[in-house]
C-alpha atoms as a PDB file:
ATOM      1  CA  UNK A   1      -6.391  13.227 -21.630  1.00  0.00           C
ATOM      2  CA  UNK A   2      -4.093  12.429 -18.772  1.00  0.00           C
ATOM      3  CA  UNK A   3      -3.209   8.702 -17.244  1.00  0.00           C
ATOM      4  CA  UNK A   4      -5.448   7.196 -20.615  1.00  0.00           C
ATOM      5  CA  UNK A   5      -5.164   3.269 -20.585  1.00  0.00           C
ATOM      6  CA  UNK A   6      -7.282   2.712 -23.394  1.00  0.00           C
ATOM      7  CA  UNK A   7      -6.248  -0.772 -24.682  1.00  0.00           C
ATOM      8  CA  UNK A   8      -4.142  -1.970 -21.772  1.00  0.00           C
ATOM      9  CA  UNK A   9      -4.529  -4.790 -20.328  1.00  0.00           C
ATOM     10  CA  UNK A  10      -3.925  -5.120 -17.024  1.00  0.00           C
ATOM     11  CA  UNK A  11      -4.035  -8.083 -14.059  1.00  0.00           C
ATOM     12  CA  UNK A  12      -4.753  -7.010 -10.830  1.00  0.00           C
ATOM     13  CA  UNK A  13      -4.415  -9.601  -8.041  1.00  0.00           C
ATOM     14  CA  UNK A  14      -6.566  -9.110  -4.430  1.00  0.00           C
ATOM     15  CA  UNK A  15      -9.171  -7.630  -6.663  1.00  0.00           C
ATOM     16  CA  UNK A  16     -11.689  -8.671  -5.092  1.00  0.00           C
ATOM     17  CA  UNK A  17     -11.829  -5.651  -2.312  1.00  0.00           C
ATOM     18  CA  UNK A  18      -9.840  -2.958  -0.739  1.00  0.00           C
ATOM     19  CA  UNK A  19      -6.683  -1.315  -2.364  1.00  0.00           C
ATOM     20  CA  UNK A  20      -7.059  -4.285  -5.526  1.00  0.00           C
ATOM     21  CA  UNK A  21     -10.398  -3.361  -5.801  1.00  0.00           C
ATOM     22  CA  UNK A  22     -10.165   0.406  -6.130  1.00  0.00           C
ATOM     23  CA  UNK A  23      -6.940   0.071  -8.410  1.00  0.00           C
ATOM     24  CA  UNK A  24      -9.225  -2.221 -10.764  1.00  0.00           C
ATOM     25  CA  UNK A  25     -12.425   0.371 -10.826  1.00  0.00           C
ATOM     26  CA  UNK A  26      -9.977   2.813 -11.567  1.00  0.00           C
ATOM     27  CA  UNK A  27      -8.338   1.434 -14.355  1.00  0.00           C
ATOM     28  CA  UNK A  28     -11.081   0.201 -16.220  1.00  0.00           C
ATOM     29  CA  UNK A  29     -12.363   3.948 -16.005  1.00  0.00           C
ATOM     30  CA  UNK A  30      -9.301   4.940 -18.051  1.00  0.00           C
ATOM     31  CA  UNK A  31     -10.204   2.698 -20.865  1.00  0.00           C
ATOM     32  CA  UNK A  32      -7.827  -0.796 -19.342  1.00  0.00           C
ATOM     33  CA  UNK A  33      -9.358  -4.110 -19.751  1.00  0.00           C
ATOM     34  CA  UNK A  34      -8.658  -5.597 -16.368  1.00  0.00           C
ATOM     35  CA  UNK A  35      -8.404  -8.743 -14.990  1.00  0.00           C
ATOM     36  CA  UNK A  36      -9.160  -9.454 -11.741  1.00  0.00           C
ATOM     37  CA  UNK A  37      -8.124 -12.065  -9.677  1.00  0.00           C
ATOM     38  CA  UNK A  38      -8.999 -13.143  -6.030  1.00  0.00           C
ATOM     39  CA  UNK A  39      -8.983 -16.339  -4.653  1.00  0.00           C
ATOM     40  CA  UNK A  40     -12.872 -14.978  -3.033  1.00  0.00           C
ATOM     41  CA  UNK A  41     -15.213 -15.494  -6.170  1.00  0.00           C
ATOM     42  CA  UNK A  42     -17.636 -13.418  -4.482  1.00  0.00           C
ATOM     43  CA  UNK A  43     -15.567 -10.628  -4.001  1.00  0.00           C
ATOM     44  CA  UNK A  44     -13.495 -11.079  -7.440  1.00  0.00           C
ATOM     45  CA  UNK A  45     -16.971 -10.859  -9.349  1.00  0.00           C
ATOM     46  CA  UNK A  46     -18.613  -8.063  -7.223  1.00  0.00           C
ATOM     47  CA  UNK A  47     -15.730  -6.049  -8.425  1.00  0.00           C
ATOM     48  CA  UNK A  48     -16.015  -6.937 -11.953  1.00  0.00           C
ATOM     49  CA  UNK A  49     -20.122  -6.500 -11.727  1.00  0.00           C
ATOM     50  CA  UNK A  50     -19.332  -3.162 -10.919  1.00  0.00           C
ATOM     51  CA  UNK A  51     -16.896  -2.703 -13.578  1.00  0.00           C
ATOM     52  CA  UNK A  52     -19.387  -4.159 -16.394  1.00  0.00           C
ATOM     53  CA  UNK A  53     -22.283  -2.054 -14.989  1.00  0.00           C
ATOM     54  CA  UNK A  54     -20.428   1.047 -16.199  1.00  0.00           C
ATOM     55  CA  UNK A  55     -20.225  -0.474 -19.742  1.00  0.00           C
ATOM     56  CA  UNK A  56     -16.160  -0.752 -19.065  1.00  0.00           C
ATOM     57  CA  UNK A  57     -14.787  -4.289 -19.361  1.00  0.00           C
ATOM     58  CA  UNK A  58     -13.762  -6.514 -16.699  1.00  0.00           C
ATOM     59  CA  UNK A  59     -13.464 -10.536 -16.334  1.00  0.00           C
ATOM     60  CA  UNK A  60     -13.030 -12.608 -12.996  1.00  0.00           C
ATOM     61  CA  UNK A  61     -10.440 -15.187 -12.479  1.00  0.00           C
ATOM     62  CA  UNK A  62      -9.987 -17.367  -9.042  1.00  0.00           C
ATOM     63  CA  UNK A  63      -6.467 -17.344  -8.544  1.00  0.00           C
ATOM     64  CA  UNK A  64      -4.477 -18.982  -5.643  1.00  0.00           C
ATOM     65  CA  UNK A  65      -1.512 -16.244  -5.526  1.00  0.00           C
ATOM     66  CA  UNK A  66       0.441 -18.710  -3.408  1.00  0.00           C
ATOM     67  CA  UNK A  67       0.082 -22.014  -6.312  1.00  0.00           C
ATOM     68  CA  UNK A  68       2.366 -21.034  -8.944  1.00  0.00           C
ATOM     69  CA  UNK A  69       0.804 -23.822 -11.776  1.00  0.00           C
ATOM     70  CA  UNK A  70      -2.891 -22.101 -10.452  1.00  0.00           C
ATOM     71  CA  UNK A  71      -0.814 -18.227 -11.682  1.00  0.00           C
ATOM     72  CA  UNK A  72       0.248 -19.624 -14.740  1.00  0.00           C
ATOM     73  CA  UNK A  73      -2.467 -20.888 -16.007  1.00  0.00           C
ATOM     74  CA  UNK A  74      -4.291 -18.039 -15.515  1.00  0.00           C
ATOM     75  CA  UNK A  75      -1.779 -16.056 -16.920  1.00  0.00           C
ATOM     76  CA  UNK A  76      -1.433 -18.320 -20.050  1.00  0.00           C
ATOM     77  CA  UNK A  77      -5.149 -18.042 -20.082  1.00  0.00           C
ATOM     78  CA  UNK A  78      -5.614 -14.195 -20.145  1.00  0.00           C
ATOM     79  CA  UNK A  79      -2.559 -13.707 -22.380  1.00  0.00           C
ATOM     80  CA  UNK A  80      -4.434 -16.127 -24.663  1.00  0.00           C
ATOM     81  CA  UNK A  81      -7.803 -14.337 -24.974  1.00  0.00           C
ATOM     82  CA  UNK A  82      -5.975 -10.721 -25.053  1.00  0.00           C
ATOM     83  CA  UNK A  83      -2.800 -11.352 -27.171  1.00  0.00           C
ATOM     84  CA  UNK A  84      -1.486  -9.203 -24.526  1.00  0.00           C
ATOM     85  CA  UNK A  85      -0.807  -8.046 -21.527  1.00  0.00           C
ATOM     86  CA  UNK A  86       0.746  -4.413 -20.429  1.00  0.00           C
ATOM     87  CA  UNK A  87       0.212  -4.269 -16.564  1.00  0.00           C
ATOM     88  CA  UNK A  88       0.403  -6.012 -13.465  1.00  0.00           C
ATOM     89  CA  UNK A  89      -0.490  -5.145 -10.438  1.00  0.00           C
ATOM     90  CA  UNK A  90       0.931  -7.353  -7.290  1.00  0.00           C
ATOM     91  CA  UNK A  91      -2.128  -6.725  -4.490  1.00  0.00           C
ATOM     92  CA  UNK A  92      -2.544  -9.861  -3.635  1.00  0.00           C
ATOM     93  CA  UNK A  93      -1.440  -9.730   0.705  1.00  0.00           C
ATOM     94  CA  UNK A  94      -2.517 -10.823   4.183  1.00  0.00           C
ATOM     95  CA  UNK A  95      -1.565  -9.059   7.432  1.00  0.00           C
ATOM     96  CA  UNK A  96      -0.336 -10.328  10.614  1.00  0.00           C
ATOM     97  CA  UNK A  97      -0.038  -8.248  14.070  1.00  0.00           C
ATOM     98  CA  UNK A  98       2.808  -9.902  16.032  1.00  0.00           C
ATOM     99  CA  UNK A  99       6.446  -9.464  17.770  1.00  0.00           C
ATOM    100  CA  UNK A 100       9.133 -12.035  16.957  1.00  0.00           C
ATOM    101  CA  UNK A 101       8.363 -13.808  20.334  1.00  0.00           C
ATOM    102  CA  UNK A 102       4.497 -14.301  19.725  1.00  0.00           C
ATOM    103  CA  UNK A 103       4.634 -15.499  15.697  1.00  0.00           C
ATOM    104  CA  UNK A 104       4.659 -19.128  15.107  1.00  0.00           C
ATOM    105  CA  UNK A 105       6.447 -20.859  12.749  1.00  0.00           C
ATOM    106  CA  UNK A 106       2.881 -21.190  10.599  1.00  0.00           C
ATOM    107  CA  UNK A 107       2.115 -17.401  11.172  1.00  0.00           C
ATOM    108  CA  UNK A 108       5.479 -16.644   9.379  1.00  0.00           C
ATOM    109  CA  UNK A 109       5.241 -19.438   6.830  1.00  0.00           C
ATOM    110  CA  UNK A 110       1.664 -18.236   5.657  1.00  0.00           C
ATOM    111  CA  UNK A 111       2.777 -14.567   5.473  1.00  0.00           C
ATOM    112  CA  UNK A 112       6.127 -15.333   3.314  1.00  0.00           C
ATOM    113  CA  UNK A 113       3.431 -17.660   1.070  1.00  0.00           C
ATOM    114  CA  UNK A 114       0.568 -15.129   0.293  1.00  0.00           C
ATOM    115  CA  UNK A 115       2.703 -11.319   0.533  1.00  0.00           C
ATOM    116  CA  UNK A 116       6.201 -13.157  -1.040  1.00  0.00           C
ATOM    117  CA  UNK A 117       5.760 -15.776  -2.910  1.00  0.00           C
ATOM    118  CA  UNK A 118       2.823 -14.605  -4.345  1.00  0.00           C
ATOM    119  CA  UNK A 119       4.257 -11.201  -5.848  1.00  0.00           C
ATOM    120  CA  UNK A 120       7.075 -13.591  -6.956  1.00  0.00           C
ATOM    121  CA  UNK A 121       4.503 -15.824  -8.649  1.00  0.00           C
ATOM    122  CA  UNK A 122       2.612 -12.994 -10.169  1.00  0.00           C
ATOM    123  CA  UNK A 123       5.809 -11.243 -11.891  1.00  0.00           C
ATOM    124  CA  UNK A 124       7.028 -14.756 -12.977  1.00  0.00           C
ATOM    125  CA  UNK A 125       3.863 -15.787 -14.656  1.00  0.00           C
ATOM    126  CA  UNK A 126       3.659 -12.248 -16.315  1.00  0.00           C
ATOM    127  CA  UNK A 127       7.314 -11.432 -17.222  1.00  0.00           C
ATOM    128  CA  UNK A 128       7.103 -13.305 -20.610  1.00  0.00           C
ATOM    129  CA  UNK A 129       4.163 -12.132 -21.764  1.00  0.00           C
ATOM    130  CA  UNK A 130       5.120  -8.236 -20.872  1.00  0.00           C
ATOM    131  CA  UNK A 131       8.295  -8.781 -22.533  1.00  0.00           C
ATOM    132  CA  UNK A 132       7.445  -8.878 -25.377  1.00  0.00           C
ATOM    133  CA  UNK A 133       5.301  -5.113 -26.109  1.00  0.00           C
ATOM    134  CA  UNK A 134       7.257  -3.477 -22.557  1.00  0.00           C
ATOM    135  CA  UNK A 135       5.200  -2.827 -19.633  1.00  0.00           C
ATOM    136  CA  UNK A 136       4.129  -2.174 -16.085  1.00  0.00           C
ATOM    137  CA  UNK A 137       4.550  -4.034 -13.054  1.00  0.00           C
ATOM    138  CA  UNK A 138       3.234  -2.321  -9.718  1.00  0.00           C
ATOM    139  CA  UNK A 139       4.229  -4.171  -6.423  1.00  0.00           C
ATOM    140  CA  UNK A 140       1.979  -3.425  -3.163  1.00  0.00           C
ATOM    141  CA  UNK A 141       4.864  -3.060  -0.470  1.00  0.00           C
ATOM    142  CA  UNK A 142       3.915  -0.969   3.091  1.00  0.00           C
ATOM    143  CA  UNK A 143       5.860   1.449   5.068  1.00  0.00           C
ATOM    144  CA  UNK A 144       7.086  -1.684   7.257  1.00  0.00           C
ATOM    145  CA  UNK A 145       8.921  -2.592   4.243  1.00  0.00           C
ATOM    146  CA  UNK A 146      10.941   1.216   5.231  1.00  0.00           C
ATOM    147  CA  UNK A 147      10.379   1.448   8.625  1.00  0.00           C
ATOM    148  CA  UNK A 148      10.575  -0.618  11.947  1.00  0.00           C
ATOM    149  CA  UNK A 149       6.828  -0.689  12.961  1.00  0.00           C
ATOM    150  CA  UNK A 150       5.842  -2.474  16.745  1.00  0.00           C
ATOM    151  CA  UNK A 151       4.424  -5.927  16.521  1.00  0.00           C
ATOM    152  CA  UNK A 152       4.638  -6.343  12.656  1.00  0.00           C
ATOM    153  CA  UNK A 153       7.666  -8.588  12.445  1.00  0.00           C
ATOM    154  CA  UNK A 154       6.669 -11.283  10.196  1.00  0.00           C
ATOM    155  CA  UNK A 155       4.571  -8.572   8.478  1.00  0.00           C
ATOM    156  CA  UNK A 156       8.154  -6.430   7.609  1.00  0.00           C
ATOM    157  CA  UNK A 157       9.617  -9.212   6.666  1.00  0.00           C
ATOM    158  CA  UNK A 158       7.107  -9.790   3.771  1.00  0.00           C
ATOM    159  CA  UNK A 159       6.801  -6.405   2.648  1.00  0.00           C
ATOM    160  CA  UNK A 160      10.608  -5.485   3.047  1.00  0.00           C
ATOM    161  CA  UNK A 161      11.058  -8.509   0.769  1.00  0.00           C
ATOM    162  CA  UNK A 162       8.210  -7.016  -1.485  1.00  0.00           C
ATOM    163  CA  UNK A 163      10.395  -3.622  -1.658  1.00  0.00           C
ATOM    164  CA  UNK A 164      14.018  -5.917  -2.669  1.00  0.00           C
ATOM    165  CA  UNK A 165      11.905  -8.065  -5.138  1.00  0.00           C
ATOM    166  CA  UNK A 166      10.979  -4.527  -7.189  1.00  0.00           C
ATOM    167  CA  UNK A 167      14.221  -3.015  -7.272  1.00  0.00           C
ATOM    168  CA  UNK A 168      15.761  -6.379  -8.782  1.00  0.00           C
ATOM    169  CA  UNK A 169      13.048  -6.997 -11.271  1.00  0.00           C
ATOM    170  CA  UNK A 170      13.629  -3.013 -12.209  1.00  0.00           C
ATOM    171  CA  UNK A 171      17.011  -3.571 -12.977  1.00  0.00           C
ATOM    172  CA  UNK A 172      16.719  -6.656 -14.950  1.00  0.00           C
ATOM    173  CA  UNK A 173      14.198  -5.564 -17.208  1.00  0.00           C
ATOM    174  CA  UNK A 174      15.444  -2.412 -17.970  1.00  0.00           C
ATOM    175  CA  UNK A 175      16.773  -3.707 -21.427  1.00  0.00           C
ATOM    176  CA  UNK A 176      13.484  -5.085 -21.984  1.00  0.00           C
ATOM    177  CA  UNK A 177      11.056  -1.761 -21.635  1.00  0.00           C
ATOM    178  CA  UNK A 178       9.520  -3.261 -18.534  1.00  0.00           C
ATOM    179  CA  UNK A 179       8.839  -0.691 -15.636  1.00  0.00           C
ATOM    180  CA  UNK A 180       9.005  -1.714 -12.307  1.00  0.00           C
ATOM    181  CA  UNK A 181       7.655   0.347  -9.184  1.00  0.00           C
ATOM    182  CA  UNK A 182       6.451  -0.358  -6.050  1.00  0.00           C
ATOM    183  CA  UNK A 183       3.744   1.753  -3.659  1.00  0.00           C
ATOM    184  CA  UNK A 184       3.985   1.896   0.139  1.00  0.00           C
ATOM    185  CA  UNK A 185       1.059   2.484   1.867  1.00  0.00           C
ATOM    186  CA  UNK A 186       0.665   3.654   5.594  1.00  0.00           C
ATOM    187  CA  UNK A 187      -2.747   2.702   6.893  1.00  0.00           C
ATOM    188  CA  UNK A 188      -5.804   2.279   4.346  1.00  0.00           C
ATOM    189  CA  UNK A 189      -9.048   2.466   5.980  1.00  0.00           C
ATOM    190  CA  UNK A 190     -10.846  -0.855   4.832  1.00  0.00           C
ATOM    191  CA  UNK A 191     -12.618  -3.731   5.739  1.00  0.00           C
ATOM    192  CA  UNK A 192      -9.191  -5.361   7.059  1.00  0.00           C
ATOM    193  CA  UNK A 193      -9.387  -2.748   9.526  1.00  0.00           C
ATOM    194  CA  UNK A 194     -12.889  -2.534  10.512  1.00  0.00           C
ATOM    195  CA  UNK A 195     -12.496  -6.070  11.279  1.00  0.00           C
ATOM    196  CA  UNK A 196      -9.307  -6.183  13.155  1.00  0.00           C
ATOM    197  CA  UNK A 197     -11.098  -3.016  15.261  1.00  0.00           C
ATOM    198  CA  UNK A 198     -14.411  -5.344  16.056  1.00  0.00           C
ATOM    199  CA  UNK A 199     -12.548  -8.378  16.672  1.00  0.00           C
ATOM    200  CA  UNK A 200      -9.797  -6.933  19.012  1.00  0.00           C
ATOM    201  CA  UNK A 201     -11.708  -3.902  20.851  1.00  0.00           C
ATOM    202  CA  UNK A 202     -15.401  -4.632  20.708  1.00  0.00           C
ATOM    203  CA  UNK A 203     -17.410  -2.018  22.144  1.00  0.00           C
ATOM    204  CA  UNK A 204     -14.293   0.611  21.329  1.00  0.00           C
ATOM    205  CA  UNK A 205     -14.745   0.534  18.188  1.00  0.00           C
ATOM    206  CA  UNK A 206     -15.089   3.640  17.228  1.00  0.00           C
ATOM    207  CA  UNK A 207     -12.636   5.104  20.145  1.00  0.00           C
ATOM    208  CA  UNK A 208      -9.453   2.424  18.496  1.00  0.00           C
ATOM    209  CA  UNK A 209     -10.423   3.991  14.582  1.00  0.00           C
ATOM    210  CA  UNK A 210      -9.444   7.306  16.317  1.00  0.00           C
ATOM    211  CA  UNK A 211      -6.494   6.337  17.856  1.00  0.00           C
ATOM    212  CA  UNK A 212      -5.405   4.434  14.660  1.00  0.00           C
ATOM    213  CA  UNK A 213      -5.856   7.135  12.177  1.00  0.00           C
ATOM    214  CA  UNK A 214      -3.853   9.753  14.422  1.00  0.00           C
ATOM    215  CA  UNK A 215      -0.506   7.541  14.195  1.00  0.00           C
ATOM    216  CA  UNK A 216      -0.453   9.255  10.258  1.00  0.00           C
ATOM    217  CA  UNK A 217       0.766  12.685  11.003  1.00  0.00           C
ATOM    218  CA  UNK A 218      -1.464  13.698   8.632  1.00  0.00           C
ATOM    219  CA  UNK A 219      -4.454  13.044  10.958  1.00  0.00           C
ATOM    220  CA  UNK A 220      -6.663  10.730   9.432  1.00  0.00           C
ATOM    221  CA  UNK A 221      -6.173   7.090   8.007  1.00  0.00           C
ATOM    222  CA  UNK A 222      -5.820   6.751   4.283  1.00  0.00           C
ATOM    223  CA  UNK A 223      -8.324   6.029   1.270  1.00  0.00           C
ATOM    224  CA  UNK A 224      -8.370   2.985  -0.945  1.00  0.00           C
ATOM    225  CA  UNK A 225      -9.031   5.463  -4.131  1.00  0.00           C
ATOM    226  CA  UNK A 226      -5.847   7.441  -2.688  1.00  0.00           C
ATOM    227  CA  UNK A 227      -3.659   4.750  -3.915  1.00  0.00           C
ATOM    228  CA  UNK A 228      -5.900   3.450  -7.152  1.00  0.00           C
ATOM    229  CA  UNK A 229      -5.222   7.231  -8.274  1.00  0.00           C
ATOM    230  CA  UNK A 230      -0.839   6.915  -7.658  1.00  0.00           C
ATOM    231  CA  UNK A 231      -0.989   3.186  -9.357  1.00  0.00           C
ATOM    232  CA  UNK A 232      -2.848   4.588 -12.177  1.00  0.00           C
ATOM    233  CA  UNK A 233      -0.308   7.651 -12.877  1.00  0.00           C
ATOM    234  CA  UNK A 234       2.800   4.896 -12.376  1.00  0.00           C
ATOM    235  CA  UNK A 235       1.166   2.817 -14.798  1.00  0.00           C
ATOM    236  CA  UNK A 236       0.460   5.498 -18.202  1.00  0.00           C
ATOM    237  CA  UNK A 237       2.757   6.821 -20.155  1.00  0.00           C
ATOM    238  CA  UNK A 238       2.767  10.030 -18.405  1.00  0.00           C
ATOM    239  CA  UNK A 239       4.759   7.981 -15.652  1.00  0.00           C
ATOM    240  CA  UNK A 240       7.454   6.045 -17.995  1.00  0.00           C
ATOM    241  CA  UNK A 241      10.950   7.548 -17.089  1.00  0.00           C
ATOM    242  CA  UNK A 242       9.871   5.986 -13.521  1.00  0.00           C
ATOM    243  CA  UNK A 243      11.221   2.748 -12.914  1.00  0.00           C
ATOM    244  CA  UNK A 244      12.637   0.888 -10.039  1.00  0.00           C
ATOM    245  CA  UNK A 245      11.508   3.578  -6.950  1.00  0.00           C
ATOM    246  CA  UNK A 246       9.115   3.192  -3.830  1.00  0.00           C
ATOM    247  CA  UNK A 247       6.385   5.517  -3.300  1.00  0.00           C
ATOM    248  CA  UNK A 248       4.817   5.713   0.117  1.00  0.00           C
ATOM    249  CA  UNK A 249       1.307   6.890   0.327  1.00  0.00           C
ATOM    250  CA  UNK A 250       1.781   7.334   4.508  1.00  0.00           C
ATOM    251  CA  UNK A 251       0.313  11.249   5.323  1.00  0.00           C
ATOM    252  CA  UNK A 252       3.896  11.568   5.925  1.00  0.00           C
ATOM    253  CA  UNK A 253       4.096   8.735   8.166  1.00  0.00           C
ATOM    254  CA  UNK A 254       8.248   7.755   6.959  1.00  0.00           C
ATOM    255  CA  UNK A 255       9.504  11.225   7.074  1.00  0.00           C
ATOM    256  CA  UNK A 256       7.440  13.291   9.601  1.00  0.00           C
ATOM    257  CA  UNK A 257       6.873  10.655  12.351  1.00  0.00           C
ATOM    258  CA  UNK A 258       9.833  11.371  15.401  1.00  0.00           C
END
């Protein structure tokens, strides 16, 4: 069977919703023992319950990715219980709409804490265990890491950092057989998108959904499962020659817009 993760132990941060939830469920289906980390207990446990209902293995840990002591303790506990760690998916992140002038210092710091330090803390906590037997890190970056997006100043800053951290870790841990890549989605249809539209365009939800969908050359938003499918491949043995690379899942946005 291609892309088999039997016996692998995977950690997925932000696994309670959206892309993280799709990745956690996909990895469990492929045979991995999945540890779902999320600040939202109800959402994270819901993902785990859905996996267990399929007779697959998953565990939930409450985790605030902005708190290194918390993150480090969670990874220590996972290693003690599973005796190994093979895969880290740094998926937890937040969005923000705003340009330079209407981004406050508080907004900037909040994006930095979650999207940059959260990824840093996850990798820092995981790397001692991944070095033991080799492994894979996937960081969720964004098309905003590579191209200019209007009104995404702080978000673009944070995702640009995710991309360059990916390159650096891939370089530094080649001899430890740790592969590190990133995935850069364009707009993916998640509850974040639905909530954003409902909050900012009440009564015009369908119109705005269609408009946002059309910003991708392919004419629609991505699906969380489409990102999860790529993550599965990149974490499988079939991708053992791939490291230090960013993979857009963007409906042609980066290369075909303009």
